[in-house]
């Protein structure tokens, strides 16, 4: 346990930040799962709308340093590729 007042404050701050970050990370993962389930179901319209919201959440998480910027870009790229894949299957 911290003993100095400044270290006690840092502990309080880190606990608050951790809780906030966990909420953001959890909602982000849920959104990515929604995109992947829509892709697996072959629902083009749902996958596109879920993908758009996932992109916004990924960008916000990267801006807050909850997720590395390159990791966010990689996820966006892979999800985009999957959405485009089912879109071409639907038109073909």
PDB file of N, CA and C in Angstrom:
ATOM      1  N   UNK A   1       0.833  -1.189   0.000  1.00  0.00           N
ATOM      2  CA  UNK A   1       0.000   0.000   0.000  1.00  0.00           C
ATOM      3  C   UNK A   1       0.878   1.253   0.000  1.00  0.00           C
ATOM      4  N   UNK A   2       0.441   2.277  -0.719  1.00  0.00           N
ATOM      5  CA  UNK A   2       1.225   3.516  -0.750  1.00  0.00           C
ATOM      6  C   UNK A   2       1.182   4.232   0.600  1.00  0.00           C
ATOM      7  N   UNK A   3       2.256   4.906   0.881  1.00  0.00           N
ATOM      8  CA  UNK A   3       2.314   5.590   2.175  1.00  0.00           C
ATOM      9  C   UNK A   3       2.286   7.107   2.047  1.00  0.00           C
ATOM     10  N   UNK A   4       2.926   7.647   1.040  1.00  0.00           N
ATOM     11  CA  UNK A   4       2.953   9.106   0.905  1.00  0.00           C
ATOM     12  C   UNK A   4       1.638   9.597   0.294  1.00  0.00           C
ATOM     13  N   UNK A   5       1.266  10.807   0.575  1.00  0.00           N
ATOM     14  CA  UNK A   5       0.004  11.346   0.020  1.00  0.00           C
ATOM     15  C   UNK A   5      -0.023  11.361  -1.502  1.00  0.00           C
ATOM     16  N   UNK A   6       1.109  11.676  -2.116  1.00  0.00           N
ATOM     17  CA  UNK A   6       1.130  11.723  -3.579  1.00  0.00           C
ATOM     18  C   UNK A   6       0.962  10.327  -4.188  1.00  0.00           C
ATOM     19  N   UNK A   7       1.553   9.322  -3.558  1.00  0.00           N
ATOM     20  CA  UNK A   7       1.401   7.964  -4.081  1.00  0.00           C
ATOM     21  C   UNK A   7      -0.012   7.440  -3.841  1.00  0.00           C
ATOM     22  N   UNK A   8      -0.660   7.878  -2.764  1.00  0.00           N
ATOM     23  CA  UNK A   8      -2.058   7.501  -2.526  1.00  0.00           C
ATOM     24  C   UNK A   8      -2.951   8.099  -3.613  1.00  0.00           C
ATOM     25  N   UNK A   9      -2.660   9.341  -3.972  1.00  0.00           N
ATOM     26  CA  UNK A   9      -3.428   9.988  -5.032  1.00  0.00           C
ATOM     27  C   UNK A   9      -3.215   9.277  -6.365  1.00  0.00           C
ATOM     28  N   UNK A  10      -1.979   8.924  -6.661  1.00  0.00           N
ATOM     29  CA  UNK A  10      -1.682   8.212  -7.907  1.00  0.00           C
ATOM     30  C   UNK A  10      -2.431   6.885  -7.965  1.00  0.00           C
ATOM     31  N   UNK A  11      -2.539   6.198  -6.833  1.00  0.00           N
ATOM     32  CA  UNK A  11      -3.284   4.943  -6.787  1.00  0.00           C
ATOM     33  C   UNK A  11      -4.760   5.183  -7.096  1.00  0.00           C
ATOM     34  N   UNK A  12      -5.344   6.227  -6.491  1.00  0.00           N
ATOM     35  CA  UNK A  12      -6.742   6.559  -6.769  1.00  0.00           C
ATOM     36  C   UNK A  12      -6.942   6.876  -8.248  1.00  0.00           C
ATOM     37  N   UNK A  13      -6.021   7.658  -8.809  1.00  0.00           N
ATOM     38  CA  UNK A  13      -6.141   8.032 -10.217  1.00  0.00           C
ATOM     39  C   UNK A  13      -6.019   6.816 -11.136  1.00  0.00           C
ATOM     40  N   UNK A  14      -5.089   5.935 -10.808  1.00  0.00           N
ATOM     41  CA  UNK A  14      -4.887   4.772 -11.671  1.00  0.00           C
ATOM     42  C   UNK A  14      -6.076   3.821 -11.609  1.00  0.00           C
ATOM     43  N   UNK A  15      -6.699   3.717 -10.440  1.00  0.00           N
ATOM     44  CA  UNK A  15      -7.893   2.874 -10.322  1.00  0.00           C
ATOM     45  C   UNK A  15      -9.027   3.444 -11.169  1.00  0.00           C
ATOM     46  N   UNK A  16      -9.219   4.767 -11.115  1.00  0.00           N
ATOM     47  CA  UNK A  16     -10.263   5.405 -11.918  1.00  0.00           C
ATOM     48  C   UNK A  16      -9.995   5.249 -13.408  1.00  0.00           C
ATOM     49  N   UNK A  17      -8.755   5.463 -13.807  1.00  0.00           N
ATOM     50  CA  UNK A  17      -8.393   5.345 -15.231  1.00  0.00           C
ATOM     51  C   UNK A  17      -8.572   3.913 -15.724  1.00  0.00           C
ATOM     52  N   UNK A  18      -8.189   2.955 -14.882  1.00  0.00           N
ATOM     53  CA  UNK A  18      -8.311   1.551 -15.266  1.00  0.00           C
ATOM     54  C   UNK A  18      -9.771   1.196 -15.503  1.00  0.00           C
ATOM     55  N   UNK A  19     -10.643   1.654 -14.624  1.00  0.00           N
ATOM     56  CA  UNK A  19     -12.075   1.387 -14.787  1.00  0.00           C
ATOM     57  C   UNK A  19     -12.603   2.009 -16.076  1.00  0.00           C
ATOM     58  N   UNK A  20     -12.192   3.243 -16.361  1.00  0.00           N
ATOM     59  CA  UNK A  20     -12.628   3.922 -17.582  1.00  0.00           C
ATOM     60  C   UNK A  20     -12.116   3.193 -18.821  1.00  0.00           C
ATOM     61  N   UNK A  21     -10.856   2.801 -18.785  1.00  0.00           N
ATOM     62  CA  UNK A  21     -10.258   2.104 -19.930  1.00  0.00           C
ATOM     63  C   UNK A  21     -10.908   0.753 -20.167  1.00  0.00           C
ATOM     64  N   UNK A  22     -11.257   0.067 -19.089  1.00  0.00           N
ATOM     65  CA  UNK A  22     -11.894  -1.251 -19.235  1.00  0.00           C
ATOM     66  C   UNK A  22     -13.248  -1.123 -19.909  1.00  0.00           C
ATOM     67  N   UNK A  23     -13.998  -0.071 -19.576  1.00  0.00           N
ATOM     68  CA  UNK A  23     -15.304   0.150 -20.202  1.00  0.00           C
ATOM     69  C   UNK A  23     -15.129   0.381 -21.700  1.00  0.00           C
ATOM     70  N   UNK A  24     -14.169   1.223 -22.060  1.00  0.00           N
ATOM     71  CA  UNK A  24     -13.936   1.520 -23.476  1.00  0.00           C
ATOM     72  C   UNK A  24     -13.498   0.266 -24.216  1.00  0.00           C
ATOM     73  N   UNK A  25     -12.580  -0.483 -23.632  1.00  0.00           N
ATOM     74  CA  UNK A  25     -12.063  -1.695 -24.267  1.00  0.00           C
ATOM     75  C   UNK A  25     -13.166  -2.745 -24.411  1.00  0.00           C
ATOM     76  N   UNK A  26     -14.016  -2.862 -23.408  1.00  0.00           N
ATOM     77  CA  UNK A  26     -15.098  -3.833 -23.447  1.00  0.00           C
ATOM     78  C   UNK A  26     -16.115  -3.495 -24.532  1.00  0.00           C
ATOM     79  N   UNK A  27     -16.518  -2.224 -24.617  1.00  0.00           N
ATOM     80  CA  UNK A  27     -17.474  -1.830 -25.654  1.00  0.00           C
ATOM     81  C   UNK A  27     -16.873  -1.983 -27.048  1.00  0.00           C
ATOM     82  N   UNK A  28     -15.584  -1.742 -27.148  1.00  0.00           N
ATOM     83  CA  UNK A  28     -14.896  -1.902 -28.424  1.00  0.00           C
ATOM     84  C   UNK A  28     -14.919  -3.365 -28.868  1.00  0.00           C
ATOM     85  N   UNK A  29     -14.597  -4.248 -27.952  1.00  0.00           N
ATOM     86  CA  UNK A  29     -14.607  -5.683 -28.275  1.00  0.00           C
ATOM     87  C   UNK A  29     -16.009  -6.160 -28.638  1.00  0.00           C
ATOM     88  N   UNK A  30     -17.012  -5.666 -27.930  1.00  0.00           N
ATOM     89  CA  UNK A  30     -18.399  -6.029 -28.236  1.00  0.00           C
ATOM     90  C   UNK A  30     -18.770  -5.575 -29.639  1.00  0.00           C
ATOM     91  N   UNK A  31     -18.362  -4.365 -29.990  1.00  0.00           N
ATOM     92  CA  UNK A  31     -18.685  -3.836 -31.314  1.00  0.00           C
ATOM     93  C   UNK A  31     -18.003  -4.653 -32.409  1.00  0.00           C
ATOM     94  N   UNK A  32     -16.765  -5.051 -32.188  1.00  0.00           N
ATOM     95  CA  UNK A  32     -16.047  -5.860 -33.170  1.00  0.00           C
ATOM     96  C   UNK A  32     -16.737  -7.218 -33.335  1.00  0.00           C
ATOM     97  N   UNK A  33     -17.223  -7.781 -32.210  1.00  0.00           N
ATOM     98  CA  UNK A  33     -17.955  -9.044 -32.297  1.00  0.00           C
ATOM     99  C   UNK A  33     -19.242  -8.889 -33.092  1.00  0.00           C
ATOM    100  N   UNK A  34     -19.917  -7.742 -32.940  1.00  0.00           N
ATOM    101  CA  UNK A  34     -21.139  -7.492 -33.707  1.00  0.00           C
ATOM    102  C   UNK A  34     -20.852  -7.468 -35.197  1.00  0.00           C
ATOM    103  N   UNK A  35     -19.733  -6.843 -35.573  1.00  0.00           N
ATOM    104  CA  UNK A  35     -19.349  -6.800 -36.991  1.00  0.00           C
ATOM    105  C   UNK A  35     -19.071  -8.210 -37.491  1.00  0.00           C
ATOM    106  N   UNK A  36     -18.325  -8.965 -36.719  1.00  0.00           N
ATOM    107  CA  UNK A  36     -17.955 -10.324 -37.152  1.00  0.00           C
ATOM    108  C   UNK A  36     -19.155 -11.250 -37.235  1.00  0.00           C
ATOM    109  N   UNK A  37     -20.121 -11.118 -36.323  1.00  0.00           N
ATOM    110  CA  UNK A  37     -21.317 -11.963 -36.410  1.00  0.00           C
ATOM    111  C   UNK A  37     -22.172 -11.575 -37.611  1.00  0.00           C
ATOM    112  N   UNK A  38     -22.246 -10.280 -37.924  1.00  0.00           N
ATOM    113  CA  UNK A  38     -22.996  -9.848 -39.107  1.00  0.00           C
ATOM    114  C   UNK A  38     -22.327 -10.360 -40.371  1.00  0.00           C
ATOM    115  N   UNK A  39     -20.994 -10.379 -40.379  1.00  0.00           N
ATOM    116  CA  UNK A  39     -20.256 -10.904 -41.529  1.00  0.00           C
ATOM    117  C   UNK A  39     -20.506 -12.404 -41.665  1.00  0.00           C
ATOM    118  N   UNK A  40     -20.461 -13.111 -40.529  1.00  0.00           N
ATOM    119  CA  UNK A  40     -20.675 -14.557 -40.562  1.00  0.00           C
ATOM    120  C   UNK A  40     -22.086 -14.902 -41.018  1.00  0.00           C
ATOM    121  N   UNK A  41     -23.055 -14.060 -40.666  1.00  0.00           N
ATOM    122  CA  UNK A  41     -24.432 -14.288 -41.086  1.00  0.00           C
ATOM    123  C   UNK A  41     -24.647 -13.920 -42.551  1.00  0.00           C
ATOM    124  N   UNK A  42     -23.714 -13.155 -43.110  1.00  0.00           N
ATOM    125  CA  UNK A  42     -23.827 -12.744 -44.507  1.00  0.00           C
ATOM    126  C   UNK A  42     -24.732 -11.546 -44.706  1.00  0.00           C
ATOM    127  N   UNK A  43     -25.017 -10.834 -43.640  1.00  0.00           N
ATOM    128  CA  UNK A  43     -25.885  -9.653 -43.700  1.00  0.00           C
ATOM    129  C   UNK A  43     -25.050  -8.432 -44.078  1.00  0.00           C
ATOM    130  N   UNK A  44     -25.181  -7.999 -45.330  1.00  0.00           N
ATOM    131  CA  UNK A  44     -24.351  -6.911 -45.846  1.00  0.00           C
ATOM    132  C   UNK A  44     -24.691  -5.587 -45.189  1.00  0.00           C
ATOM    133  N   UNK A  45     -25.971  -5.263 -45.104  1.00  0.00           N
ATOM    134  CA  UNK A  45     -26.386  -3.971 -44.559  1.00  0.00           C
ATOM    135  C   UNK A  45     -25.998  -3.841 -43.090  1.00  0.00           C
ATOM    136  N   UNK A  46     -26.250  -4.881 -42.315  1.00  0.00           N
ATOM    137  CA  UNK A  46     -25.916  -4.843 -40.882  1.00  0.00           C
ATOM    138  C   UNK A  46     -24.413  -4.765 -40.673  1.00  0.00           C
ATOM    139  N   UNK A  47     -23.667  -5.511 -41.472  1.00  0.00           N
ATOM    140  CA  UNK A  47     -22.214  -5.503 -41.305  1.00  0.00           C
ATOM    141  C   UNK A  47     -21.630  -4.130 -41.638  1.00  0.00           C
ATOM    142  N   UNK A  48     -22.203  -3.446 -42.629  1.00  0.00           N
ATOM    143  CA  UNK A  48     -21.699  -2.113 -42.974  1.00  0.00           C
ATOM    144  C   UNK A  48     -21.982  -1.100 -41.875  1.00  0.00           C
ATOM    145  N   UNK A  49     -23.193  -1.131 -41.312  1.00  0.00           N
ATOM    146  CA  UNK A  49     -23.515  -0.176 -40.249  1.00  0.00           C
ATOM    147  C   UNK A  49     -22.712  -0.460 -38.991  1.00  0.00           C
ATOM    148  N   UNK A  50     -22.577  -1.729 -38.645  1.00  0.00           N
ATOM    149  CA  UNK A  50     -21.780  -2.097 -37.462  1.00  0.00           C
ATOM    150  C   UNK A  50     -20.309  -1.753 -37.688  1.00  0.00           C
ATOM    151  N   UNK A  51     -19.845  -1.909 -38.917  1.00  0.00           N
ATOM    152  CA  UNK A  51     -18.453  -1.577 -39.231  1.00  0.00           C
ATOM    153  C   UNK A  51     -18.192  -0.087 -39.052  1.00  0.00           C
ATOM    154  N   UNK A  52     -19.135   0.751 -39.484  1.00  0.00           N
ATOM    155  CA  UNK A  52     -18.958   2.199 -39.336  1.00  0.00           C
ATOM    156  C   UNK A  52     -18.844   2.601 -37.876  1.00  0.00           C
ATOM    157  N   UNK A  53     -19.686   2.027 -37.033  1.00  0.00           N
ATOM    158  CA  UNK A  53     -19.602   2.361 -35.603  1.00  0.00           C
ATOM    159  C   UNK A  53     -18.332   1.790 -34.987  1.00  0.00           C
ATOM    160  N   UNK A  54     -17.889   0.640 -35.468  1.00  0.00           N
ATOM    161  CA  UNK A  54     -16.649   0.047 -34.954  1.00  0.00           C
ATOM    162  C   UNK A  54     -15.447   0.925 -35.300  1.00  0.00           C
ATOM    163  N   UNK A  55     -15.455   1.497 -36.484  1.00  0.00           N
ATOM    164  CA  UNK A  55     -14.354   2.367 -36.902  1.00  0.00           C
ATOM    165  C   UNK A  55     -14.268   3.584 -35.994  1.00  0.00           C
ATOM    166  N   UNK A  56     -15.404   4.167 -35.676  1.00  0.00           N
ATOM    167  CA  UNK A  56     -15.425   5.329 -34.784  1.00  0.00           C
ATOM    168  C   UNK A  56     -14.877   4.961 -33.413  1.00  0.00           C
ATOM    169  N   UNK A  57     -15.321   3.821 -32.887  1.00  0.00           N
ATOM    170  CA  UNK A  57     -14.862   3.388 -31.562  1.00  0.00           C
ATOM    171  C   UNK A  57     -13.378   3.041 -31.569  1.00  0.00           C
ATOM    172  N   UNK A  58     -12.894   2.433 -32.647  1.00  0.00           N
ATOM    173  CA  UNK A  58     -11.465   2.121 -32.755  1.00  0.00           C
ATOM    174  C   UNK A  58     -10.638   3.391 -32.788  1.00  0.00           C
ATOM    175  N   UNK A  59     -11.091   4.377 -33.545  1.00  0.00           N
ATOM    176  CA  UNK A  59     -10.361   5.638 -33.627  1.00  0.00           C
ATOM    177  C   UNK A  59     -10.317   6.354 -32.280  1.00  0.00           C
ATOM    178  N   UNK A  60     -11.442   6.338 -31.564  1.00  0.00           N
ATOM    179  CA  UNK A  60     -11.474   6.981 -30.256  1.00  0.00           C
ATOM    180  C   UNK A  60     -10.558   6.267 -29.263  1.00  0.00           C
ATOM    181  N   UNK A  61     -10.556   4.935 -29.297  1.00  0.00           N
ATOM    182  CA  UNK A  61      -9.691   4.176 -28.394  1.00  0.00           C
ATOM    183  C   UNK A  61      -8.228   4.431 -28.716  1.00  0.00           C
ATOM    184  N   UNK A  62      -7.901   4.558 -29.994  1.00  0.00           N
ATOM    185  CA  UNK A  62      -6.521   4.842 -30.387  1.00  0.00           C
ATOM    186  C   UNK A  62      -6.129   6.254 -29.970  1.00  0.00           C
ATOM    187  N   UNK A  63      -7.055   7.195 -30.058  1.00  0.00           N
ATOM    188  CA  UNK A  63      -6.772   8.571 -29.671  1.00  0.00           C
ATOM    189  C   UNK A  63      -6.524   8.685 -28.169  1.00  0.00           C
ATOM    190  N   UNK A  64      -7.195   7.837 -27.401  1.00  0.00           N
ATOM    191  CA  UNK A  64      -7.034   7.852 -25.945  1.00  0.00           C
ATOM    192  C   UNK A  64      -5.892   6.953 -25.468  1.00  0.00           C
ATOM    193  N   UNK A  65      -5.168   6.371 -26.392  1.00  0.00           N
ATOM    194  CA  UNK A  65      -4.059   5.448 -26.095  1.00  0.00           C
ATOM    195  C   UNK A  65      -4.505   4.217 -25.324  1.00  0.00           C
ATOM    196  N   UNK A  66      -5.748   3.821 -25.488  1.00  0.00           N
ATOM    197  CA  UNK A  66      -6.228   2.578 -24.896  1.00  0.00           C
ATOM    198  C   UNK A  66      -5.816   1.423 -25.792  1.00  0.00           C
ATOM    199  N   UNK A  67      -5.732   1.715 -27.067  1.00  0.00           N
ATOM    200  CA  UNK A  67      -5.317   0.760 -28.082  1.00  0.00           C
ATOM    201  C   UNK A  67      -4.251   1.442 -28.931  1.00  0.00           C
ATOM    202  N   UNK A  68      -3.224   0.708 -29.307  1.00  0.00           N
ATOM    203  CA  UNK A  68      -2.168   1.295 -30.132  1.00  0.00           C
ATOM    204  C   UNK A  68      -2.745   1.681 -31.491  1.00  0.00           C
ATOM    205  N   UNK A  69      -2.269   2.762 -32.032  1.00  0.00           N
ATOM    206  CA  UNK A  69      -2.794   3.282 -33.308  1.00  0.00           C
ATOM    207  C   UNK A  69      -2.643   2.267 -34.428  1.00  0.00           C
ATOM    208  N   UNK A  70      -1.526   1.576 -34.471  1.00  0.00           N
ATOM    209  CA  UNK A  70      -1.317   0.581 -35.527  1.00  0.00           C
ATOM    210  C   UNK A  70      -2.240  -0.618 -35.347  1.00  0.00           C
ATOM    211  N   UNK A  71      -2.518  -0.985 -34.103  1.00  0.00           N
ATOM    212  CA  UNK A  71      -3.435  -2.098 -33.835  1.00  0.00           C
ATOM    213  C   UNK A  71      -4.844  -1.725 -34.288  1.00  0.00           C
ATOM    214  N   UNK A  72      -5.241  -0.480 -34.040  1.00  0.00           N
ATOM    215  CA  UNK A  72      -6.554  -0.011 -34.485  1.00  0.00           C
ATOM    216  C   UNK A  72      -6.635  -0.014 -36.009  1.00  0.00           C
ATOM    217  N   UNK A  73      -5.591   0.448 -36.653  1.00  0.00           N
ATOM    218  CA  UNK A  73      -5.562   0.474 -38.120  1.00  0.00           C
ATOM    219  C   UNK A  73      -5.617  -0.945 -38.683  1.00  0.00           C
ATOM    220  N   UNK A  74      -4.915  -1.848 -38.047  1.00  0.00           N
ATOM    221  CA  UNK A  74      -4.910  -3.244 -38.505  1.00  0.00           C
ATOM    222  C   UNK A  74      -6.302  -3.861 -38.374  1.00  0.00           C
ATOM    223  N   UNK A  75      -6.970  -3.618 -37.256  1.00  0.00           N
ATOM    224  CA  UNK A  75      -8.323  -4.145 -37.062  1.00  0.00           C
ATOM    225  C   UNK A  75      -9.293  -3.556 -38.077  1.00  0.00           C
ATOM    226  N   UNK A  76      -9.191  -2.251 -38.305  1.00  0.00           N
ATOM    227  CA  UNK A  76     -10.071  -1.607 -39.285  1.00  0.00           C
ATOM    228  C   UNK A  76      -9.858  -2.199 -40.671  1.00  0.00           C
ATOM    229  N   UNK A  77      -8.599  -2.428 -41.018  1.00  0.00           N
ATOM    230  CA  UNK A  77      -8.283  -2.972 -42.325  1.00  0.00           C
ATOM    231  C   UNK A  77      -8.849  -4.378 -42.494  1.00  0.00           C
ATOM    232  N   UNK A  78      -8.684  -5.207 -41.484  1.00  0.00           N
ATOM    233  CA  UNK A  78      -9.153  -6.587 -41.574  1.00  0.00           C
ATOM    234  C   UNK A  78     -10.679  -6.658 -41.610  1.00  0.00           C
ATOM    235  N   UNK A  79     -11.323  -5.829 -40.795  1.00  0.00           N
ATOM    236  CA  UNK A  79     -12.785  -5.820 -40.809  1.00  0.00           C
ATOM    237  C   UNK A  79     -13.311  -5.285 -42.139  1.00  0.00           C
ATOM    238  N   UNK A  80     -12.659  -4.254 -42.666  1.00  0.00           N
ATOM    239  CA  UNK A  80     -13.063  -3.688 -43.942  1.00  0.00           C
ATOM    240  C   UNK A  80     -12.933  -4.721 -45.059  1.00  0.00           C
ATOM    241  N   UNK A  81     -11.860  -5.453 -45.033  1.00  0.00           N
ATOM    242  CA  UNK A  81     -11.634  -6.492 -46.045  1.00  0.00           C
ATOM    243  C   UNK A  81     -12.725  -7.560 -45.973  1.00  0.00           C
ATOM    244  N   UNK A  82     -13.114  -7.931 -44.753  1.00  0.00           N
ATOM    245  CA  UNK A  82     -14.149  -8.948 -44.581  1.00  0.00           C
ATOM    246  C   UNK A  82     -15.509  -8.436 -45.047  1.00  0.00           C
ATOM    247  N   UNK A  83     -15.810  -7.172 -44.751  1.00  0.00           N
ATOM    248  CA  UNK A  83     -17.082  -6.590 -45.177  1.00  0.00           C
ATOM    249  C   UNK A  83     -17.140  -6.515 -46.702  1.00  0.00           C
ATOM    250  N   UNK A  84     -16.046  -6.093 -47.302  1.00  0.00           N
ATOM    251  CA  UNK A  84     -16.001  -6.031 -48.770  1.00  0.00           C
ATOM    252  C   UNK A  84     -16.123  -7.422 -49.376  1.00  0.00           C
ATOM    253  N   UNK A  85     -15.572  -8.423 -48.698  1.00  0.00           N
ATOM    254  CA  UNK A  85     -15.654  -9.805 -49.184  1.00  0.00           C
ATOM    255  C   UNK A  85     -17.075 -10.311 -49.255  1.00  0.00           C
ATOM    256  N   UNK A  86     -17.864 -10.046 -48.217  1.00  0.00           N
ATOM    257  CA  UNK A  86     -19.251 -10.522 -48.272  1.00  0.00           C
ATOM    258  C   UNK A  86     -20.080  -9.670 -49.213  1.00  0.00           C
ATOM    259  N   UNK A  87     -19.668  -8.421 -49.417  1.00  0.00           N
ATOM    260  CA  UNK A  87     -20.394  -7.562 -50.357  1.00  0.00           C
ATOM    261  C   UNK A  87     -20.216  -8.088 -51.783  1.00  0.00           C
ATOM    262  N   UNK A  88     -19.003  -8.539 -52.113  1.00  0.00           N
ATOM    263  CA  UNK A  88     -18.778  -9.075 -53.466  1.00  0.00           C
ATOM    264  C   UNK A  88     -19.478 -10.414 -53.641  1.00  0.00           C
ATOM    265  N   UNK A  89     -19.559 -11.205 -52.565  1.00  0.00           N
ATOM    266  CA  UNK A  89     -20.288 -12.487 -52.649  1.00  0.00           C
ATOM    267  C   UNK A  89     -21.772 -12.243 -52.862  1.00  0.00           C
ATOM    268  N   UNK A  90     -22.299 -11.205 -52.229  1.00  0.00           N
ATOM    269  CA  UNK A  90     -23.728 -10.919 -52.366  1.00  0.00           C
ATOM    270  C   UNK A  90     -24.075 -10.445 -53.771  1.00  0.00           C
ATOM    271  N   UNK A  91     -23.171  -9.670 -54.387  1.00  0.00           N
ATOM    272  CA  UNK A  91     -23.457  -9.178 -55.730  1.00  0.00           C
ATOM    273  C   UNK A  91     -23.205 -10.229 -56.791  1.00  0.00           C
ATOM    274  N   UNK A  92     -22.307 -11.167 -56.516  1.00  0.00           N
ATOM    275  CA  UNK A  92     -21.973 -12.189 -57.517  1.00  0.00           C
ATOM    276  C   UNK A  92     -22.995 -13.313 -57.568  1.00  0.00           C
TER     277      UNK A  92
END
